[in-house]
C-alpha cells in the first residue's frame, strides 16, 4: 500500500482541484468547492474539511463560523486524478443559503424549479 501525497493530484493552472462533498449516510451530493494541495493535506490530517476560497484567496474550514461542519469519512479521487469526492458527515446545512444541499435548483421540462429553502 502506497502513502498518498496530495501533490500527486492533477490541479488546474491556478493550483486548484474541484472537490465534491457527498453525505456519507445518504449519498446526497451536498456541494462543490475548490481545494489546493495544502487544503487536501489539512483535510486529511485534521478530518475537518478545508477548502480554498477563490474569492477571499484563503483557506476556508467548512463550518468555522457557521458551525455547519463537514467531518471527513472517506476521501476519493477520480481515475484522472483531477476531481475529489469526499464522503462527509454534514452538521447543519451545506449551502450558504441555508439549504441542505447547494444543488436545489432543478431544470425539468425546460422549466427552472427552486427546491431550496
PDB file of N, CA and C in Angstrom:
ATOM      1  N   UNK A   1       0.842  -1.174   0.000  1.00  0.00           N
ATOM      2  CA  UNK A   1       0.000   0.000   0.000  1.00  0.00           C
ATOM      3  C   UNK A   1       0.893   1.245   0.000  1.00  0.00           C
ATOM      4  N   UNK A   2       0.619   2.159  -0.923  1.00  0.00           N
ATOM      5  CA  UNK A   2       1.422   3.374  -1.067  1.00  0.00           C
ATOM      6  C   UNK A   2       0.889   4.484  -0.163  1.00  0.00           C
ATOM      7  N   UNK A   3       1.767   5.356   0.269  1.00  0.00           N
ATOM      8  CA  UNK A   3       1.390   6.525   1.056  1.00  0.00           C
ATOM      9  C   UNK A   3       0.929   7.610   0.079  1.00  0.00           C
ATOM     10  N   UNK A   4      -0.199   8.234   0.367  1.00  0.00           N
ATOM     11  CA  UNK A   4      -0.760   9.260  -0.512  1.00  0.00           C
ATOM     12  C   UNK A   4      -0.057  10.599  -0.319  1.00  0.00           C
ATOM     13  N   UNK A   5       0.274  11.237  -1.434  1.00  0.00           N
ATOM     14  CA  UNK A   5       0.858  12.570  -1.433  1.00  0.00           C
ATOM     15  C   UNK A   5      -0.103  13.490  -2.188  1.00  0.00           C
ATOM     16  N   UNK A   6      -0.685  14.504  -1.530  1.00  0.00           N
ATOM     17  CA  UNK A   6      -1.633  15.406  -2.199  1.00  0.00           C
ATOM     18  C   UNK A   6      -1.077  16.069  -3.459  1.00  0.00           C
ATOM     19  N   UNK A   7       0.223  16.208  -3.553  1.00  0.00           N
ATOM     20  CA  UNK A   7       0.839  16.844  -4.720  1.00  0.00           C
ATOM     21  C   UNK A   7       0.732  15.987  -5.973  1.00  0.00           C
ATOM     22  N   UNK A   8       0.361  14.714  -5.822  1.00  0.00           N
ATOM     23  CA  UNK A   8       0.239  13.835  -6.994  1.00  0.00           C
ATOM     24  C   UNK A   8      -1.078  14.019  -7.734  1.00  0.00           C
ATOM     25  N   UNK A   9      -2.022  14.775  -7.162  1.00  0.00           N
ATOM     26  CA  UNK A   9      -3.282  15.041  -7.857  1.00  0.00           C
ATOM     27  C   UNK A   9      -3.040  16.031  -8.992  1.00  0.00           C
ATOM     28  N   UNK A  10      -3.929  16.039  -9.968  1.00  0.00           N
ATOM     29  CA  UNK A  10      -3.799  16.936 -11.122  1.00  0.00           C
ATOM     30  C   UNK A  10      -4.611  18.211 -10.886  1.00  0.00           C
ATOM     31  N   UNK A  11      -3.913  19.269 -10.498  1.00  0.00           N
ATOM     32  CA  UNK A  11      -4.520  20.564 -10.217  1.00  0.00           C
ATOM     33  C   UNK A  11      -4.538  21.406 -11.497  1.00  0.00           C
ATOM     34  N   UNK A  12      -5.457  22.377 -11.560  1.00  0.00           N
ATOM     35  CA  UNK A  12      -5.501  23.265 -12.727  1.00  0.00           C
ATOM     36  C   UNK A  12      -4.360  24.275 -12.648  1.00  0.00           C
ATOM     37  N   UNK A  13      -4.315  25.219 -13.616  1.00  0.00           N
ATOM     38  CA  UNK A  13      -3.184  26.168 -13.631  1.00  0.00           C
ATOM     39  C   UNK A  13      -3.197  27.136 -12.450  1.00  0.00           C
ATOM     40  N   UNK A  14      -4.318  27.183 -11.721  1.00  0.00           N
ATOM     41  CA  UNK A  14      -4.379  28.006 -10.517  1.00  0.00           C
ATOM     42  C   UNK A  14      -3.995  27.193  -9.276  1.00  0.00           C
ATOM     43  N   UNK A  15      -3.645  25.916  -9.489  1.00  0.00           N
ATOM     44  CA  UNK A  15      -3.268  25.052  -8.375  1.00  0.00           C
ATOM     45  C   UNK A  15      -4.463  24.490  -7.628  1.00  0.00           C
ATOM     46  N   UNK A  16      -5.639  24.464  -8.292  1.00  0.00           N
ATOM     47  CA  UNK A  16      -6.876  24.037  -7.642  1.00  0.00           C
ATOM     48  C   UNK A  16      -7.453  22.779  -8.289  1.00  0.00           C
ATOM     49  N   UNK A  17      -8.273  22.096  -7.502  1.00  0.00           N
ATOM     50  CA  UNK A  17      -8.951  20.895  -7.962  1.00  0.00           C
ATOM     51  C   UNK A  17     -10.385  20.939  -7.424  1.00  0.00           C
ATOM     52  N   UNK A  18     -11.385  20.575  -8.258  1.00  0.00           N
ATOM     53  CA  UNK A  18     -12.756  20.553  -7.748  1.00  0.00           C
ATOM     54  C   UNK A  18     -12.942  19.452  -6.714  1.00  0.00           C
ATOM     55  N   UNK A  19     -13.681  19.773  -5.656  1.00  0.00           N
ATOM     56  CA  UNK A  19     -13.920  18.826  -4.571  1.00  0.00           C
ATOM     57  C   UNK A  19     -15.424  18.765  -4.297  1.00  0.00           C
ATOM     58  N   UNK A  20     -15.978  17.584  -4.439  1.00  0.00           N
ATOM     59  CA  UNK A  20     -17.408  17.374  -4.228  1.00  0.00           C
ATOM     60  C   UNK A  20     -17.611  16.759  -2.853  1.00  0.00           C
ATOM     61  N   UNK A  21     -18.534  17.334  -2.090  1.00  0.00           N
ATOM     62  CA  UNK A  21     -18.884  16.791  -0.775  1.00  0.00           C
ATOM     63  C   UNK A  21     -20.213  16.045  -0.911  1.00  0.00           C
ATOM     64  N   UNK A  22     -20.209  14.815  -0.449  1.00  0.00           N
ATOM     65  CA  UNK A  22     -21.373  13.934  -0.521  1.00  0.00           C
ATOM     66  C   UNK A  22     -21.682  13.431   0.880  1.00  0.00           C
ATOM     67  N   UNK A  23     -22.965  13.380   1.232  1.00  0.00           N
ATOM     68  CA  UNK A  23     -23.363  12.860   2.536  1.00  0.00           C
ATOM     69  C   UNK A  23     -23.003  11.378   2.599  1.00  0.00           C
ATOM     70  N   UNK A  24     -22.188  11.003   3.564  1.00  0.00           N
ATOM     71  CA  UNK A  24     -21.741   9.613   3.699  1.00  0.00           C
ATOM     72  C   UNK A  24     -22.908   8.675   3.997  1.00  0.00           C
ATOM     73  N   UNK A  25     -23.920   9.185   4.690  1.00  0.00           N
ATOM     74  CA  UNK A  25     -25.048   8.347   5.097  1.00  0.00           C
ATOM     75  C   UNK A  25     -26.051   8.113   3.971  1.00  0.00           C
ATOM     76  N   UNK A  26     -26.369   9.192   3.208  1.00  0.00           N
ATOM     77  CA  UNK A  26     -27.437   9.093   2.210  1.00  0.00           C
ATOM     78  C   UNK A  26     -26.957   9.074   0.764  1.00  0.00           C
ATOM     79  N   UNK A  27     -25.737   9.525   0.523  1.00  0.00           N
ATOM     80  CA  UNK A  27     -25.227   9.636  -0.839  1.00  0.00           C
ATOM     81  C   UNK A  27     -25.614  10.938  -1.524  1.00  0.00           C
ATOM     82  N   UNK A  28     -26.373  11.801  -0.835  1.00  0.00           N
ATOM     83  CA  UNK A  28     -26.781  13.076  -1.412  1.00  0.00           C
ATOM     84  C   UNK A  28     -25.560  13.952  -1.687  1.00  0.00           C
ATOM     85  N   UNK A  29     -25.512  14.560  -2.882  1.00  0.00           N
ATOM     86  CA  UNK A  29     -24.445  15.499  -3.207  1.00  0.00           C
ATOM     87  C   UNK A  29     -24.775  16.816  -2.523  1.00  0.00           C
ATOM     88  N   UNK A  30     -23.864  17.297  -1.697  1.00  0.00           N
ATOM     89  CA  UNK A  30     -24.112  18.486  -0.886  1.00  0.00           C
ATOM     90  C   UNK A  30     -23.582  19.766  -1.510  1.00  0.00           C
ATOM     91  N   UNK A  31     -22.375  19.712  -2.022  1.00  0.00           N
ATOM     92  CA  UNK A  31     -21.757  20.919  -2.549  1.00  0.00           C
ATOM     93  C   UNK A  31     -20.512  20.591  -3.337  1.00  0.00           C
ATOM     94  N   UNK A  32     -20.025  21.590  -4.058  1.00  0.00           N
ATOM     95  CA  UNK A  32     -18.748  21.514  -4.757  1.00  0.00           C
ATOM     96  C   UNK A  32     -17.979  22.785  -4.423  1.00  0.00           C
ATOM     97  N   UNK A  33     -16.725  22.625  -4.110  1.00  0.00           N
ATOM     98  CA  UNK A  33     -15.859  23.772  -3.846  1.00  0.00           C
ATOM     99  C   UNK A  33     -14.475  23.413  -4.374  1.00  0.00           C
ATOM    100  N   UNK A  34     -13.502  24.225  -4.058  1.00  0.00           N
ATOM    101  CA  UNK A  34     -12.149  24.033  -4.588  1.00  0.00           C
ATOM    102  C   UNK A  34     -11.165  23.754  -3.460  1.00  0.00           C
ATOM    103  N   UNK A  35     -10.155  22.976  -3.786  1.00  0.00           N
ATOM    104  CA  UNK A  35      -9.064  22.700  -2.850  1.00  0.00           C
ATOM    105  C   UNK A  35      -7.739  22.870  -3.580  1.00  0.00           C
ATOM    106  N   UNK A  36      -6.717  23.204  -2.828  1.00  0.00           N
ATOM    107  CA  UNK A  36      -5.357  23.120  -3.336  1.00  0.00           C
ATOM    108  C   UNK A  36      -4.660  22.016  -2.535  1.00  0.00           C
ATOM    109  N   UNK A  37      -3.401  21.761  -2.820  1.00  0.00           N
ATOM    110  CA  UNK A  37      -2.692  20.657  -2.161  1.00  0.00           C
ATOM    111  C   UNK A  37      -2.648  20.837  -0.643  1.00  0.00           C
ATOM    112  N   UNK A  38      -2.505  22.075  -0.181  1.00  0.00           N
ATOM    113  CA  UNK A  38      -2.466  22.324   1.266  1.00  0.00           C
ATOM    114  C   UNK A  38      -3.820  22.041   1.919  1.00  0.00           C
ATOM    115  N   UNK A  39      -4.909  22.405   1.241  1.00  0.00           N
ATOM    116  CA  UNK A  39      -6.251  22.143   1.773  1.00  0.00           C
ATOM    117  C   UNK A  39      -6.510  20.644   1.831  1.00  0.00           C
ATOM    118  N   UNK A  40      -6.051  19.921   0.821  1.00  0.00           N
ATOM    119  CA  UNK A  40      -6.189  18.456   0.820  1.00  0.00           C
ATOM    120  C   UNK A  40      -5.427  17.870   2.004  1.00  0.00           C
ATOM    121  N   UNK A  41      -4.185  18.308   2.181  1.00  0.00           N
ATOM    122  CA  UNK A  41      -3.354  17.799   3.278  1.00  0.00           C
ATOM    123  C   UNK A  41      -3.988  18.111   4.636  1.00  0.00           C
ATOM    124  N   UNK A  42      -4.494  19.323   4.809  1.00  0.00           N
ATOM    125  CA  UNK A  42      -5.119  19.722   6.077  1.00  0.00           C
ATOM    126  C   UNK A  42      -6.382  18.905   6.342  1.00  0.00           C
ATOM    127  N   UNK A  43      -7.180  18.687   5.301  1.00  0.00           N
ATOM    128  CA  UNK A  43      -8.398  17.891   5.434  1.00  0.00           C
ATOM    129  C   UNK A  43      -8.059  16.478   5.872  1.00  0.00           C
ATOM    130  N   UNK A  44      -7.075  15.881   5.230  1.00  0.00           N
ATOM    131  CA  UNK A  44      -6.704  14.502   5.551  1.00  0.00           C
ATOM    132  C   UNK A  44      -6.089  14.381   6.942  1.00  0.00           C
ATOM    133  N   UNK A  45      -5.341  15.375   7.367  1.00  0.00           N
ATOM    134  CA  UNK A  45      -4.701  15.276   8.683  1.00  0.00           C
ATOM    135  C   UNK A  45      -5.654  15.622   9.829  1.00  0.00           C
ATOM    136  N   UNK A  46      -6.582  16.574   9.601  1.00  0.00           N
ATOM    137  CA  UNK A  46      -7.463  17.014  10.683  1.00  0.00           C
ATOM    138  C   UNK A  46      -8.808  16.294  10.692  1.00  0.00           C
ATOM    139  N   UNK A  47      -9.268  15.824   9.531  1.00  0.00           N
ATOM    140  CA  UNK A  47     -10.589  15.212   9.435  1.00  0.00           C
ATOM    141  C   UNK A  47     -11.715  16.226   9.332  1.00  0.00           C
ATOM    142  N   UNK A  48     -11.371  17.508   9.330  1.00  0.00           N
ATOM    143  CA  UNK A  48     -12.327  18.600   9.184  1.00  0.00           C
ATOM    144  C   UNK A  48     -12.091  19.187   7.796  1.00  0.00           C
ATOM    145  N   UNK A  49     -13.109  19.141   6.916  1.00  0.00           N
ATOM    146  CA  UNK A  49     -12.911  19.520   5.523  1.00  0.00           C
ATOM    147  C   UNK A  49     -12.526  20.995   5.409  1.00  0.00           C
ATOM    148  N   UNK A  50     -11.437  21.225   4.692  1.00  0.00           N
ATOM    149  CA  UNK A  50     -10.887  22.555   4.465  1.00  0.00           C
ATOM    150  C   UNK A  50     -10.818  22.805   2.974  1.00  0.00           C
ATOM    151  N   UNK A  51     -11.363  23.919   2.530  1.00  0.00           N
ATOM    152  CA  UNK A  51     -11.362  24.294   1.116  1.00  0.00           C
ATOM    153  C   UNK A  51     -10.475  25.514   0.900  1.00  0.00           C
ATOM    154  N   UNK A  52     -10.288  25.877  -0.376  1.00  0.00           N
ATOM    155  CA  UNK A  52      -9.610  27.113  -0.730  1.00  0.00           C
ATOM    156  C   UNK A  52     -10.664  28.058  -1.303  1.00  0.00           C
ATOM    157  N   UNK A  53     -10.822  29.211  -0.714  1.00  0.00           N
ATOM    158  CA  UNK A  53     -11.785  30.206  -1.196  1.00  0.00           C
ATOM    159  C   UNK A  53     -11.139  31.025  -2.305  1.00  0.00           C
ATOM    160  N   UNK A  54     -11.684  30.893  -3.509  1.00  0.00           N
ATOM    161  CA  UNK A  54     -11.150  31.665  -4.640  1.00  0.00           C
ATOM    162  C   UNK A  54     -11.438  33.147  -4.482  1.00  0.00           C
ATOM    163  N   UNK A  55     -12.595  33.509  -3.923  1.00  0.00           N
ATOM    164  CA  UNK A  55     -12.945  34.925  -3.785  1.00  0.00           C
ATOM    165  C   UNK A  55     -12.123  35.611  -2.697  1.00  0.00           C
ATOM    166  N   UNK A  56     -11.884  34.923  -1.595  1.00  0.00           N
ATOM    167  CA  UNK A  56     -11.126  35.522  -0.481  1.00  0.00           C
ATOM    168  C   UNK A  56      -9.629  35.201  -0.544  1.00  0.00           C
ATOM    169  N   UNK A  57      -9.273  34.247  -1.416  1.00  0.00           N
ATOM    170  CA  UNK A  57      -7.871  33.836  -1.540  1.00  0.00           C
ATOM    171  C   UNK A  57      -7.289  33.395  -0.197  1.00  0.00           C
ATOM    172  N   UNK A  58      -8.067  32.525   0.491  1.00  0.00           N
ATOM    173  CA  UNK A  58      -7.606  31.992   1.774  1.00  0.00           C
ATOM    174  C   UNK A  58      -8.282  30.657   2.054  1.00  0.00           C
ATOM    175  N   UNK A  59      -7.746  29.945   3.034  1.00  0.00           N
ATOM    176  CA  UNK A  59      -8.330  28.672   3.419  1.00  0.00           C
ATOM    177  C   UNK A  59      -9.666  28.906   4.108  1.00  0.00           C
ATOM    178  N   UNK A  60     -10.540  27.927   3.951  1.00  0.00           N
ATOM    179  CA  UNK A  60     -11.884  28.024   4.480  1.00  0.00           C
ATOM    180  C   UNK A  60     -12.222  26.669   5.095  1.00  0.00           C
ATOM    181  N   UNK A  61     -12.217  26.619   6.412  1.00  0.00           N
ATOM    182  CA  UNK A  61     -12.621  25.400   7.117  1.00  0.00           C
ATOM    183  C   UNK A  61     -14.141  25.406   7.166  1.00  0.00           C
ATOM    184  N   UNK A  62     -14.765  24.454   6.498  1.00  0.00           N
ATOM    185  CA  UNK A  62     -16.224  24.413   6.406  1.00  0.00           C
ATOM    186  C   UNK A  62     -16.818  24.391   7.810  1.00  0.00           C
ATOM    187  N   UNK A  63     -17.659  25.384   8.094  1.00  0.00           N
ATOM    188  CA  UNK A  63     -18.338  25.468   9.380  1.00  0.00           C
ATOM    189  C   UNK A  63     -17.596  26.232  10.450  1.00  0.00           C
ATOM    190  N   UNK A  64     -16.460  26.807  10.119  1.00  0.00           N
ATOM    191  CA  UNK A  64     -15.666  27.518  11.136  1.00  0.00           C
ATOM    192  C   UNK A  64     -16.448  28.663  11.767  1.00  0.00           C
ATOM    193  N   UNK A  65     -17.214  29.388  10.968  1.00  0.00           N
ATOM    194  CA  UNK A  65     -18.005  30.480  11.535  1.00  0.00           C
ATOM    195  C   UNK A  65     -19.470  30.097  11.738  1.00  0.00           C
ATOM    196  N   UNK A  66     -20.015  29.250  10.874  1.00  0.00           N
ATOM    197  CA  UNK A  66     -21.443  28.891  10.954  1.00  0.00           C
ATOM    198  C   UNK A  66     -21.722  27.714  11.883  1.00  0.00           C
ATOM    199  N   UNK A  67     -20.707  26.883  12.110  1.00  0.00           N
ATOM    200  CA  UNK A  67     -20.909  25.666  12.884  1.00  0.00           C
ATOM    201  C   UNK A  67     -21.394  24.499  12.035  1.00  0.00           C
ATOM    202  N   UNK A  68     -21.603  24.735  10.740  1.00  0.00           N
ATOM    203  CA  UNK A  68     -22.086  23.703   9.817  1.00  0.00           C
ATOM    204  C   UNK A  68     -20.902  22.936   9.230  1.00  0.00           C
ATOM    205  N   UNK A  69     -20.256  22.191  10.091  1.00  0.00           N
ATOM    206  CA  UNK A  69     -19.010  21.500   9.751  1.00  0.00           C
ATOM    207  C   UNK A  69     -19.219  20.279   8.870  1.00  0.00           C
ATOM    208  N   UNK A  70     -18.143  19.905   8.215  1.00  0.00           N
ATOM    209  CA  UNK A  70     -18.096  18.653   7.466  1.00  0.00           C
ATOM    210  C   UNK A  70     -16.964  17.821   8.058  1.00  0.00           C
ATOM    211  N   UNK A  71     -17.348  16.684   8.592  1.00  0.00           N
ATOM    212  CA  UNK A  71     -16.388  15.752   9.140  1.00  0.00           C
ATOM    213  C   UNK A  71     -16.094  14.704   8.060  1.00  0.00           C
ATOM    214  N   UNK A  72     -14.845  14.559   7.691  1.00  0.00           N
ATOM    215  CA  UNK A  72     -14.446  13.655   6.617  1.00  0.00           C
ATOM    216  C   UNK A  72     -14.604  12.200   7.042  1.00  0.00           C
ATOM    217  N   UNK A  73     -15.322  11.432   6.229  1.00  0.00           N
ATOM    218  CA  UNK A  73     -15.496   9.994   6.467  1.00  0.00           C
ATOM    219  C   UNK A  73     -14.697   9.185   5.465  1.00  0.00           C
ATOM    220  N   UNK A  74     -14.632   9.656   4.213  1.00  0.00           N
ATOM    221  CA  UNK A  74     -13.847   8.955   3.187  1.00  0.00           C
ATOM    222  C   UNK A  74     -13.410   9.954   2.129  1.00  0.00           C
ATOM    223  N   UNK A  75     -12.194   9.788   1.640  1.00  0.00           N
ATOM    224  CA  UNK A  75     -11.610  10.668   0.630  1.00  0.00           C
ATOM    225  C   UNK A  75     -11.305   9.829  -0.602  1.00  0.00           C
ATOM    226  N   UNK A  76     -11.826  10.250  -1.741  1.00  0.00           N
ATOM    227  CA  UNK A  76     -11.575   9.545  -3.002  1.00  0.00           C
ATOM    228  C   UNK A  76     -11.187  10.555  -4.076  1.00  0.00           C
ATOM    229  N   UNK A  77     -10.534  10.067  -5.118  1.00  0.00           N
ATOM    230  CA  UNK A  77     -10.311  10.896  -6.300  1.00  0.00           C
ATOM    231  C   UNK A  77     -10.551  10.044  -7.531  1.00  0.00           C
ATOM    232  N   UNK A  78     -10.832  10.719  -8.651  1.00  0.00           N
ATOM    233  CA  UNK A  78     -11.216  10.002  -9.864  1.00  0.00           C
ATOM    234  C   UNK A  78     -10.003   9.443 -10.603  1.00  0.00           C
ATOM    235  N   UNK A  79     -10.293   8.700 -11.680  1.00  0.00           N
ATOM    236  CA  UNK A  79      -9.254   7.994 -12.433  1.00  0.00           C
ATOM    237  C   UNK A  79      -8.236   8.928 -13.081  1.00  0.00           C
ATOM    238  N   UNK A  80      -8.638  10.171 -13.396  1.00  0.00           N
ATOM    239  CA  UNK A  80      -7.713  11.150 -13.973  1.00  0.00           C
ATOM    240  C   UNK A  80      -7.002  11.961 -12.899  1.00  0.00           C
ATOM    241  N   UNK A  81      -7.337  11.720 -11.674  1.00  0.00           N
ATOM    242  CA  UNK A  81      -6.781  12.423 -10.514  1.00  0.00           C
ATOM    243  C   UNK A  81      -6.987  13.933 -10.593  1.00  0.00           C
ATOM    244  N   UNK A  82      -8.137  14.343 -11.211  1.00  0.00           N
ATOM    245  CA  UNK A  82      -8.407  15.775 -11.329  1.00  0.00           C
ATOM    246  C   UNK A  82      -9.740  16.198 -10.709  1.00  0.00           C
ATOM    247  N   UNK A  83     -10.295  15.340  -9.867  1.00  0.00           N
ATOM    248  CA  UNK A  83     -11.524  15.666  -9.146  1.00  0.00           C
ATOM    249  C   UNK A  83     -11.582  14.829  -7.871  1.00  0.00           C
ATOM    250  N   UNK A  84     -12.013  15.463  -6.786  1.00  0.00           N
ATOM    251  CA  UNK A  84     -12.077  14.806  -5.478  1.00  0.00           C
ATOM    252  C   UNK A  84     -13.539  14.564  -5.111  1.00  0.00           C
ATOM    253  N   UNK A  85     -13.793  13.434  -4.483  1.00  0.00           N
ATOM    254  CA  UNK A  85     -15.098  13.128  -3.912  1.00  0.00           C
ATOM    255  C   UNK A  85     -14.873  12.801  -2.443  1.00  0.00           C
ATOM    256  N   UNK A  86     -15.518  13.592  -1.579  1.00  0.00           N
ATOM    257  CA  UNK A  86     -15.389  13.350  -0.152  1.00  0.00           C
ATOM    258  C   UNK A  86     -16.733  12.947   0.412  1.00  0.00           C
ATOM    259  N   UNK A  87     -16.769  11.848   1.109  1.00  0.00           N
ATOM    260  CA  UNK A  87     -17.963  11.481   1.843  1.00  0.00           C
ATOM    261  C   UNK A  87     -17.796  12.073   3.233  1.00  0.00           C
ATOM    262  N   UNK A  88     -18.828  12.813   3.648  1.00  0.00           N
ATOM    263  CA  UNK A  88     -18.728  13.593   4.878  1.00  0.00           C
ATOM    264  C   UNK A  88     -19.940  13.371   5.768  1.00  0.00           C
ATOM    265  N   UNK A  89     -19.748  13.686   7.031  1.00  0.00           N
ATOM    266  CA  UNK A  89     -20.877  13.850   7.942  1.00  0.00           C
ATOM    267  C   UNK A  89     -21.117  15.344   7.987  1.00  0.00           C
ATOM    268  N   UNK A  90     -22.262  15.772   7.478  1.00  0.00           N
ATOM    269  CA  UNK A  90     -22.599  17.195   7.422  1.00  0.00           C
ATOM    270  C   UNK A  90     -23.386  17.573   8.660  1.00  0.00           C
ATOM    271  N   UNK A  91     -22.904  18.572   9.376  1.00  0.00           N
ATOM    272  CA  UNK A  91     -23.614  19.096  10.542  1.00  0.00           C
ATOM    273  C   UNK A  91     -24.277  20.398  10.105  1.00  0.00           C
ATOM    274  N   UNK A  92     -25.607  20.418  10.067  1.00  0.00           N
ATOM    275  CA  UNK A  92     -26.339  21.584   9.588  1.00  0.00           C
ATOM    276  C   UNK A  92     -26.353  21.617   8.069  1.00  0.00           C
ATOM    277  N   UNK A  93     -26.847  22.729   7.492  1.00  0.00           N
ATOM    278  CA  UNK A  93     -26.909  22.839   6.039  1.00  0.00           C
ATOM    279  C   UNK A  93     -25.518  22.974   5.428  1.00  0.00           C
ATOM    280  N   UNK A  94     -25.369  22.480   4.204  1.00  0.00           N
ATOM    281  CA  UNK A  94     -24.094  22.610   3.500  1.00  0.00           C
ATOM    282  C   UNK A  94     -24.002  23.927   2.742  1.00  0.00           C
ATOM    283  N   UNK A  95     -25.144  24.423   2.271  1.00  0.00           N
ATOM    284  CA  UNK A  95     -25.165  25.612   1.422  1.00  0.00           C
ATOM    285  C   UNK A  95     -25.208  26.896   2.254  1.00  0.00           C
ATOM    286  N   UNK A  96     -24.520  27.917   1.757  1.00  0.00           N
ATOM    287  CA  UNK A  96     -24.520  29.210   2.458  1.00  0.00           C
ATOM    288  C   UNK A  96     -25.898  29.854   2.473  1.00  0.00           C
ATOM    289  N   UNK A  97     -26.835  29.370   1.633  1.00  0.00           N
ATOM    290  CA  UNK A  97     -28.200  29.907   1.610  1.00  0.00           C
ATOM    291  C   UNK A  97     -29.053  29.331   2.732  1.00  0.00           C
ATOM    292  N   UNK A  98     -28.542  28.304   3.396  1.00  0.00           N
ATOM    293  CA  UNK A  98     -29.297  27.626   4.442  1.00  0.00           C
ATOM    294  C   UNK A  98     -29.940  26.340   3.964  1.00  0.00           C
ATOM    295  N   UNK A  99     -29.814  26.030   2.670  1.00  0.00           N
ATOM    296  CA  UNK A  99     -30.353  24.780   2.126  1.00  0.00           C
ATOM    297  C   UNK A  99     -29.437  23.616   2.505  1.00  0.00           C
ATOM    298  N   UNK A 100     -30.003  22.445   2.616  1.00  0.00           N
ATOM    299  CA  UNK A 100     -29.225  21.240   2.955  1.00  0.00           C
ATOM    300  C   UNK A 100     -28.117  21.022   1.931  1.00  0.00           C
ATOM    301  N   UNK A 101     -28.444  21.174   0.639  1.00  0.00           N
ATOM    302  CA  UNK A 101     -27.504  20.969  -0.458  1.00  0.00           C
ATOM    303  C   UNK A 101     -27.470  22.220  -1.323  1.00  0.00           C
ATOM    304  N   UNK A 102     -26.350  22.471  -1.968  1.00  0.00           N
ATOM    305  CA  UNK A 102     -26.258  23.588  -2.915  1.00  0.00           C
ATOM    306  C   UNK A 102     -26.996  23.276  -4.216  1.00  0.00           C
ATOM    307  N   UNK A 103     -27.324  22.017  -4.440  1.00  0.00           N
ATOM    308  CA  UNK A 103     -27.939  21.595  -5.696  1.00  0.00           C
ATOM    309  C   UNK A 103     -29.454  21.492  -5.557  1.00  0.00           C
ATOM    310  N   UNK A 104     -30.103  22.638  -5.295  1.00  0.00           N
ATOM    311  CA  UNK A 104     -31.554  22.656  -5.105  1.00  0.00           C
ATOM    312  C   UNK A 104     -32.302  23.255  -6.290  1.00  0.00           C
ATOM    313  N   UNK A 105     -31.584  23.718  -7.304  1.00  0.00           N
ATOM    314  CA  UNK A 105     -32.241  24.250  -8.492  1.00  0.00           C
ATOM    315  C   UNK A 105     -32.311  23.151  -9.549  1.00  0.00           C
ATOM    316  N   UNK A 106     -33.550  22.871 -10.011  1.00  0.00           N
ATOM    317  CA  UNK A 106     -33.807  21.782 -10.946  1.00  0.00           C
ATOM    318  C   UNK A 106     -34.317  22.364 -12.257  1.00  0.00           C
ATOM    319  N   UNK A 107     -33.842  21.820 -13.378  1.00  0.00           N
ATOM    320  CA  UNK A 107     -34.425  22.142 -14.674  1.00  0.00           C
ATOM    321  C   UNK A 107     -35.193  20.904 -15.107  1.00  0.00           C
ATOM    322  N   UNK A 108     -36.509  21.058 -15.176  1.00  0.00           N
ATOM    323  CA  UNK A 108     -37.374  19.931 -15.520  1.00  0.00           C
ATOM    324  C   UNK A 108     -38.313  20.379 -16.634  1.00  0.00           C
ATOM    325  N   UNK A 109     -38.268  19.671 -17.758  1.00  0.00           N
ATOM    326  CA  UNK A 109     -39.109  20.008 -18.915  1.00  0.00           C
ATOM    327  C   UNK A 109     -38.923  21.464 -19.330  1.00  0.00           C
ATOM    328  N   UNK A 110     -37.680  21.928 -19.263  1.00  0.00           N
ATOM    329  CA  UNK A 110     -37.362  23.288 -19.691  1.00  0.00           C
ATOM    330  C   UNK A 110     -37.682  24.368 -18.670  1.00  0.00           C
ATOM    331  N   UNK A 111     -38.239  24.005 -17.543  1.00  0.00           N
ATOM    332  CA  UNK A 111     -38.607  24.960 -16.505  1.00  0.00           C
ATOM    333  C   UNK A 111     -37.624  24.895 -15.341  1.00  0.00           C
ATOM    334  N   UNK A 112     -37.326  26.038 -14.749  1.00  0.00           N
ATOM    335  CA  UNK A 112     -36.459  26.098 -13.578  1.00  0.00           C
ATOM    336  C   UNK A 112     -37.325  25.984 -12.324  1.00  0.00           C
ATOM    337  N   UNK A 113     -36.966  25.038 -11.479  1.00  0.00           N
ATOM    338  CA  UNK A 113     -37.711  24.800 -10.238  1.00  0.00           C
ATOM    339  C   UNK A 113     -36.751  24.969  -9.068  1.00  0.00           C
ATOM    340  N   UNK A 114     -37.107  25.825  -8.142  1.00  0.00           N
ATOM    341  CA  UNK A 114     -36.289  26.066  -6.955  1.00  0.00           C
ATOM    342  C   UNK A 114     -36.818  25.180  -5.835  1.00  0.00           C
ATOM    343  N   UNK A 115     -36.031  24.171  -5.455  1.00  0.00           N
ATOM    344  CA  UNK A 115     -36.426  23.279  -4.364  1.00  0.00           C
ATOM    345  C   UNK A 115     -35.672  23.593  -3.079  1.00  0.00           C
ATOM    346  N   UNK A 116     -35.095  24.788  -3.017  1.00  0.00           N
ATOM    347  CA  UNK A 116     -34.333  25.201  -1.830  1.00  0.00           C
ATOM    348  C   UNK A 116     -35.236  25.561  -0.680  1.00  0.00           C
ATOM    349  N   UNK A 117     -34.674  26.269   0.261  1.00  0.00           N
ATOM    350  CA  UNK A 117     -35.419  26.618   1.472  1.00  0.00           C
ATOM    351  C   UNK A 117     -36.519  27.620   1.204  1.00  0.00           C
TER     352      UNK A 117
END
